[in-house]
Amino acid sequence: MKGIWVALGVVGLFVVVLLLGAGSYISAKNQMVQLNEDVNQSYSQLNVVQQRRLDLIPNLVATVKGYVKEEETVLTNIANARAAVIAASSDHASSIQANQKLDLAISPLLRLQEQYPNLKANEQFIRLSDELAGTENRIAVERQRYNKTLELYNVDIRQFPNSFWANIAGFHYRDEYFKGNPANGVAPTVDFGK
């Protein structure tokens, strides 16, 4: 009789452990699914804002072309970077890298207004460059939100016991962060002698 109670106790303990494990797995997996979808939604929002920039660029480039014939290299670099962003749109990592190259290509365009006073006075250029500057600010905010959402996902799947369940459920670390350009770490030279 005592053996039956021991066996029932062991079976009961096994059932309780199994139920707790299953509950932990289901809860962890649901949370990982939600966080993964949050990352995808955040990236989609970022993509919407980046698409706005892609739509503004041809108008801005066309306006600049009328004034700045000899700056063809700058305009070609922007066009190539924009094409790379469009081509990489389906893959997050490739799109992030292409957008970072576009960031670098746009910078000289905005500096052209200093070299060409007529361009600086052109209303269309001013309006488009203001829109582009506003869009760049939105992109910076959305990139920060995206990176934070991605960080929350990565932290969640790497903490115990979620790390155990993440491997079973097929959730992996995603290294798709927007990172700053290393060239920005070099301070610009300021020369007041000119």
Protein backbone atom coordinates (compact mmCIF):
# COMPACT_ATOMS: atom_id res chain seq x y z
CA MET A 1 0.00 0.00 0.00
CA LYS A 2 2.85 2.36 0.85
CA GLY A 3 4.45 1.64 -2.55
CA ILE A 4 1.28 2.70 -4.35
CA TRP A 5 1.23 6.02 -2.48
CA VAL A 6 4.89 6.60 -3.30
CA ALA A 7 4.24 5.78 -6.96
CA LEU A 8 1.20 8.08 -7.04
CA GLY A 9 3.25 10.79 -5.34
CA VAL A 10 6.02 10.46 -7.93
CA VAL A 11 3.50 10.46 -10.79
CA GLY A 12 1.74 13.48 -9.24
CA LEU A 13 5.04 15.31 -8.83
CA PHE A 14 5.93 14.46 -12.42
CA VAL A 15 2.56 15.79 -13.65
CA VAL A 16 2.99 19.01 -11.63
CA VAL A 17 6.53 19.54 -12.97
CA LEU A 18 5.31 18.79 -16.49
CA LEU A 19 2.42 21.27 -16.15
CA LEU A 20 4.73 23.95 -14.73
CA GLY A 21 7.26 23.37 -17.52
CA ALA A 22 4.56 23.46 -20.18
CA GLY A 23 3.11 26.63 -18.67
CA SER A 24 6.53 28.24 -18.54
CA TYR A 25 7.21 27.27 -22.16
CA ILE A 26 3.86 28.55 -23.41
CA SER A 27 4.18 31.81 -21.51
CA ALA A 28 7.78 32.36 -22.67
CA LYS A 29 6.96 31.51 -26.27
CA ASN A 30 3.97 33.85 -26.34
CA GLN A 31 6.14 36.64 -24.96
CA MET A 32 8.88 35.95 -27.54
CA VAL A 33 6.32 35.94 -30.35
CA GLN A 34 4.98 39.29 -29.14
CA LEU A 35 8.47 40.81 -28.85
CA ASN A 36 9.45 39.48 -32.28
CA GLU A 37 6.33 41.04 -33.77
CA ASP A 38 7.12 44.30 -31.94
CA VAL A 39 10.54 44.31 -33.63
CA ASN A 40 8.95 43.70 -37.03
CA GLN A 41 6.32 46.40 -36.45
CA SER A 42 8.96 48.87 -35.30
CA TYR A 43 11.03 48.12 -38.39
CA SER A 44 7.95 48.61 -40.58
CA GLN A 45 7.34 52.03 -39.04
CA LEU A 46 10.98 52.92 -39.61
CA ASN A 47 10.65 51.73 -43.19
CA VAL A 48 7.66 54.05 -43.73
CA VAL A 49 9.70 57.06 -42.63
CA GLN A 50 12.71 55.97 -44.70
CA GLN A 51 10.39 55.57 -47.71
CA ARG A 52 9.34 59.21 -47.24
CA ARG A 53 13.00 60.16 -47.53
CA LEU A 54 13.37 58.04 -50.67
CA ASP A 55 10.38 59.83 -52.18
CA LEU A 56 11.80 63.29 -51.36
CA ILE A 57 15.27 62.66 -52.76
CA PRO A 58 14.42 62.71 -56.51
CA ASN A 59 12.67 66.09 -56.13
CA LEU A 60 15.56 67.53 -54.16
CA VAL A 61 18.12 66.18 -56.64
CA ALA A 62 16.16 67.58 -59.59
CA THR A 63 16.06 71.01 -57.93
CA VAL A 64 19.78 70.94 -57.23
CA LYS A 65 20.64 69.78 -60.76
CA GLY A 66 19.34 73.03 -62.17
CA TYR A 67 21.87 75.01 -60.16
CA VAL A 68 24.77 72.67 -59.67
CA LYS A 69 25.86 71.14 -62.93
CA GLU A 70 29.42 70.34 -61.83
CA GLU A 71 28.37 68.38 -58.71
CA GLU A 72 27.35 65.33 -60.70
CA THR A 73 29.36 62.97 -58.45
CA VAL A 74 27.31 63.92 -55.38
CA LEU A 75 24.06 63.42 -57.25
CA THR A 76 25.23 60.12 -58.73
CA ASN A 77 26.23 58.84 -55.28
CA ILE A 78 22.80 59.72 -53.92
CA ALA A 79 21.04 58.04 -56.84
CA ASN A 80 23.15 54.89 -56.40
CA ALA A 81 22.60 54.81 -52.63
CA ARG A 82 18.86 55.29 -53.11
CA ALA A 83 18.77 52.43 -55.63
CA ALA A 84 20.64 50.20 -53.16
CA VAL A 85 18.06 50.95 -50.45
CA ILE A 86 15.21 50.07 -52.77
CA ALA A 87 16.96 46.84 -53.83
CA ALA A 88 17.64 45.78 -50.23
CA SER A 89 14.16 46.44 -48.86
CA SER A 90 13.22 42.81 -48.13
CA ASP A 91 16.19 41.98 -45.89
CA HIS A 92 16.47 43.94 -42.63
CA ALA A 93 20.25 43.75 -42.32
CA SER A 94 20.86 44.71 -45.97
CA SER A 95 18.32 47.51 -45.77
CA ILE A 96 19.94 48.89 -42.62
CA GLN A 97 23.36 48.86 -44.28
CA ALA A 98 22.01 50.47 -47.47
CA ASN A 99 20.24 53.20 -45.49
CA GLN A 100 23.45 53.98 -43.64
CA LYS A 101 25.18 54.46 -47.00
CA LEU A 102 22.35 56.73 -48.09
CA ASP A 103 22.85 58.78 -44.90
CA LEU A 104 26.45 59.38 -45.98
CA ALA A 105 25.48 60.22 -49.55
CA ILE A 106 22.91 62.85 -48.54
CA SER A 107 25.25 64.89 -46.31
CA PRO A 108 27.22 66.56 -49.16
CA LEU A 109 23.97 67.47 -50.91
CA LEU A 110 22.84 69.58 -47.98
CA ARG A 111 26.25 71.27 -47.78
CA LEU A 112 25.99 72.37 -51.42
CA GLN A 113 23.77 75.28 -50.47
CA GLU A 114 26.79 76.91 -48.81
CA GLN A 115 28.74 76.80 -52.08
CA TYR A 116 25.89 78.02 -54.28
CA PRO A 117 24.13 81.17 -53.01
CA ASN A 118 21.42 80.98 -55.70
CA LEU A 119 20.56 77.49 -54.56
CA LYS A 120 20.37 78.72 -50.98
CA ALA A 121 17.71 81.24 -52.04
CA ASN A 122 15.63 78.81 -54.12
CA GLU A 123 12.26 78.29 -52.39
CA GLN A 124 11.82 74.77 -53.76
CA PHE A 125 15.24 73.74 -52.45
CA ILE A 126 14.57 75.33 -49.07
CA ARG A 127 11.20 73.60 -48.76
CA LEU A 128 12.57 70.23 -49.83
CA SER A 129 15.66 70.47 -47.63
CA ASP A 130 13.44 71.41 -44.65
CA GLU A 131 11.24 68.40 -45.38
CA LEU A 132 14.31 66.21 -45.69
CA ALA A 133 15.72 67.54 -42.40
CA GLY A 134 12.38 66.84 -40.69
CA THR A 135 12.35 63.36 -42.19
CA GLU A 136 15.90 62.74 -41.02
CA ASN A 137 14.79 63.66 -37.49
CA ARG A 138 11.86 61.24 -37.74
CA ILE A 139 14.21 58.55 -39.02
CA ALA A 140 16.53 59.11 -36.05
CA VAL A 141 13.62 58.75 -33.62
CA GLU A 142 12.28 55.63 -35.36
CA ARG A 143 15.77 54.09 -35.46
CA GLN A 144 16.11 54.67 -31.74
CA ARG A 145 12.70 53.05 -31.13
CA TYR A 146 13.59 50.14 -33.38
CA ASN A 147 16.93 49.58 -31.64
CA LYS A 148 15.20 49.68 -28.24
CA THR A 149 12.53 47.20 -29.35
CA LEU A 150 15.20 44.91 -30.77
CA GLU A 151 17.17 45.19 -27.54
CA LEU A 152 14.09 44.15 -25.50
CA TYR A 153 13.63 41.11 -27.74
CA ASN A 154 17.30 40.13 -27.56
CA VAL A 155 17.44 40.52 -23.78
CA ASP A 156 14.28 38.47 -23.35
CA ILE A 157 15.47 35.52 -25.41
CA ARG A 158 18.89 35.50 -23.74
CA GLN A 159 17.68 35.50 -20.12
CA PHE A 160 17.13 32.25 -18.29
CA PRO A 161 14.77 30.35 -18.54
CA ASN A 162 13.67 32.04 -21.78
CA SER A 163 17.04 31.26 -23.37
CA PHE A 164 16.29 27.57 -22.94
CA TRP A 165 12.79 27.92 -24.41
CA ALA A 166 13.98 30.26 -27.19
CA ASN A 167 16.33 27.59 -28.54
CA ILE A 168 13.54 25.03 -28.53
CA ALA A 169 11.03 27.43 -30.14
CA GLY A 170 13.53 28.66 -32.78
CA PHE A 171 13.98 32.26 -31.60
CA HIS A 172 17.52 33.51 -32.08
CA TYR A 173 19.52 36.63 -31.32
CA ARG A 174 19.03 39.27 -34.01
CA ASP A 175 21.97 41.57 -34.68
CA GLU A 176 20.10 44.01 -36.92
CA TYR A 177 20.83 47.21 -35.01
CA PHE A 178 21.30 50.57 -36.65
CA LYS A 179 24.80 51.65 -35.70
CA GLY A 180 26.49 55.01 -36.03
CA ASN A 181 28.99 55.69 -38.76
CA PRO A 182 32.56 55.27 -37.41
CA ALA A 183 33.61 58.31 -39.47
CA ASN A 184 31.40 60.45 -37.23
CA GLY A 185 33.81 59.82 -34.36
CA VAL A 186 36.35 62.17 -35.94
CA ALA A 187 35.78 65.80 -35.01
CA PRO A 188 35.49 68.19 -37.95
CA THR A 189 38.23 70.73 -38.48
CA VAL A 190 37.13 74.31 -37.83
CA ASP A 191 39.17 77.04 -39.50
CA PHE A 192 38.24 80.63 -38.69
CA GLY A 193 41.16 81.91 -40.79
CA LYS A 194 39.11 81.90 -44.01
